[in-house]
């Protein structure tokens, strides 16, 4: 599965991130996580604590170790 991301200002080839490749995720500052109680669903988290689904859509953020979900869906 590949996550589509915007290309950077330098025009480098950064259109896709392979969410199944930990090295690719690490280069982008992301890591795969699972949220306790969320039946094996995996997410991506960046260094700022922002959490995205595997399609790259923002779903919430951490707040001092707590997970807050954007309930607007």
Protein backbone atom coordinates (compact mmCIF):
# COMPACT_ATOMS: atom_id res chain seq x y z
CA UNK A 1 0.00 0.00 0.00
CA UNK A 2 1.37 3.44 -0.83
CA UNK A 3 0.42 6.69 0.83
CA UNK A 4 0.25 9.65 -1.51
CA UNK A 5 1.95 12.75 -0.16
CA UNK A 6 2.65 16.16 -1.67
CA UNK A 7 5.97 16.71 -3.37
CA UNK A 8 8.28 19.07 -1.52
CA UNK A 9 9.26 22.53 -2.74
CA UNK A 10 12.50 21.18 -4.23
CA UNK A 11 10.49 19.01 -6.60
CA UNK A 12 12.05 15.82 -5.26
CA UNK A 13 10.25 12.58 -6.01
CA UNK A 14 8.33 12.29 -2.74
CA UNK A 15 4.88 11.60 -4.15
CA UNK A 16 4.41 8.23 -2.47
CA UNK A 17 5.30 6.65 0.84
CA UNK A 18 5.28 2.89 1.15
CA UNK A 19 3.47 2.45 4.49
CA UNK A 20 4.71 -1.16 4.61
CA UNK A 21 8.36 -0.06 4.49
CA UNK A 22 9.65 1.11 7.91
CA UNK A 23 12.70 2.76 6.32
CA UNK A 24 10.52 4.84 3.98
CA UNK A 25 8.32 5.87 6.92
CA UNK A 26 11.37 6.79 9.02
CA UNK A 27 12.72 9.02 6.22
CA UNK A 28 9.43 10.92 6.34
CA UNK A 29 9.43 11.11 10.15
CA UNK A 30 6.50 8.70 10.48
CA UNK A 31 5.97 5.45 12.30
CA UNK A 32 3.17 2.88 12.36
CA UNK A 33 1.22 2.62 15.59
CA UNK A 34 -1.76 0.75 16.97
CA UNK A 35 -4.15 2.39 19.38
CA UNK A 36 -5.17 0.32 22.36
CA UNK A 37 -8.74 -0.93 22.03
CA UNK A 38 -8.99 -0.21 18.30
CA UNK A 39 -9.17 -3.80 16.96
CA UNK A 40 -5.88 -4.14 15.10
CA UNK A 41 -6.34 -0.86 13.19
CA UNK A 42 -2.99 0.72 12.36
CA UNK A 43 -2.20 4.40 12.02
CA UNK A 44 0.77 6.62 11.19
CA UNK A 45 2.15 9.10 13.71
CA UNK A 46 4.59 11.93 13.06
CA UNK A 47 7.11 13.44 15.48
CA UNK A 48 4.60 16.12 16.54
CA UNK A 49 2.07 13.49 17.69
CA UNK A 50 -0.30 13.98 14.74
CA UNK A 51 -2.04 10.74 13.81
CA UNK A 52 -3.12 9.78 10.30
CA UNK A 53 -4.89 6.78 8.83
CA UNK A 54 -2.99 4.72 6.26
CA UNK A 55 -4.44 6.90 3.49
CA UNK A 56 -2.73 9.97 4.95
CA UNK A 57 -5.89 11.57 6.34
CA UNK A 58 -5.56 13.32 9.70
CA UNK A 59 -7.59 11.51 12.40
CA UNK A 60 -6.33 12.98 15.67
CA UNK A 61 -3.39 13.84 17.83
CA UNK A 62 -1.74 12.78 21.02
CA UNK A 63 -1.90 15.03 24.05
CA UNK A 64 0.65 14.08 26.66
CA UNK A 65 0.23 10.40 25.91
CA UNK A 66 -3.54 10.61 25.46
CA UNK A 67 -5.15 10.07 22.07
CA UNK A 68 -7.79 12.51 20.89
CA UNK A 69 -9.81 11.50 17.83
CA UNK A 70 -11.31 14.01 15.44
CA UNK A 71 -14.99 13.05 15.64
CA UNK A 72 -16.16 15.16 12.68
CA UNK A 73 -16.48 12.15 10.35
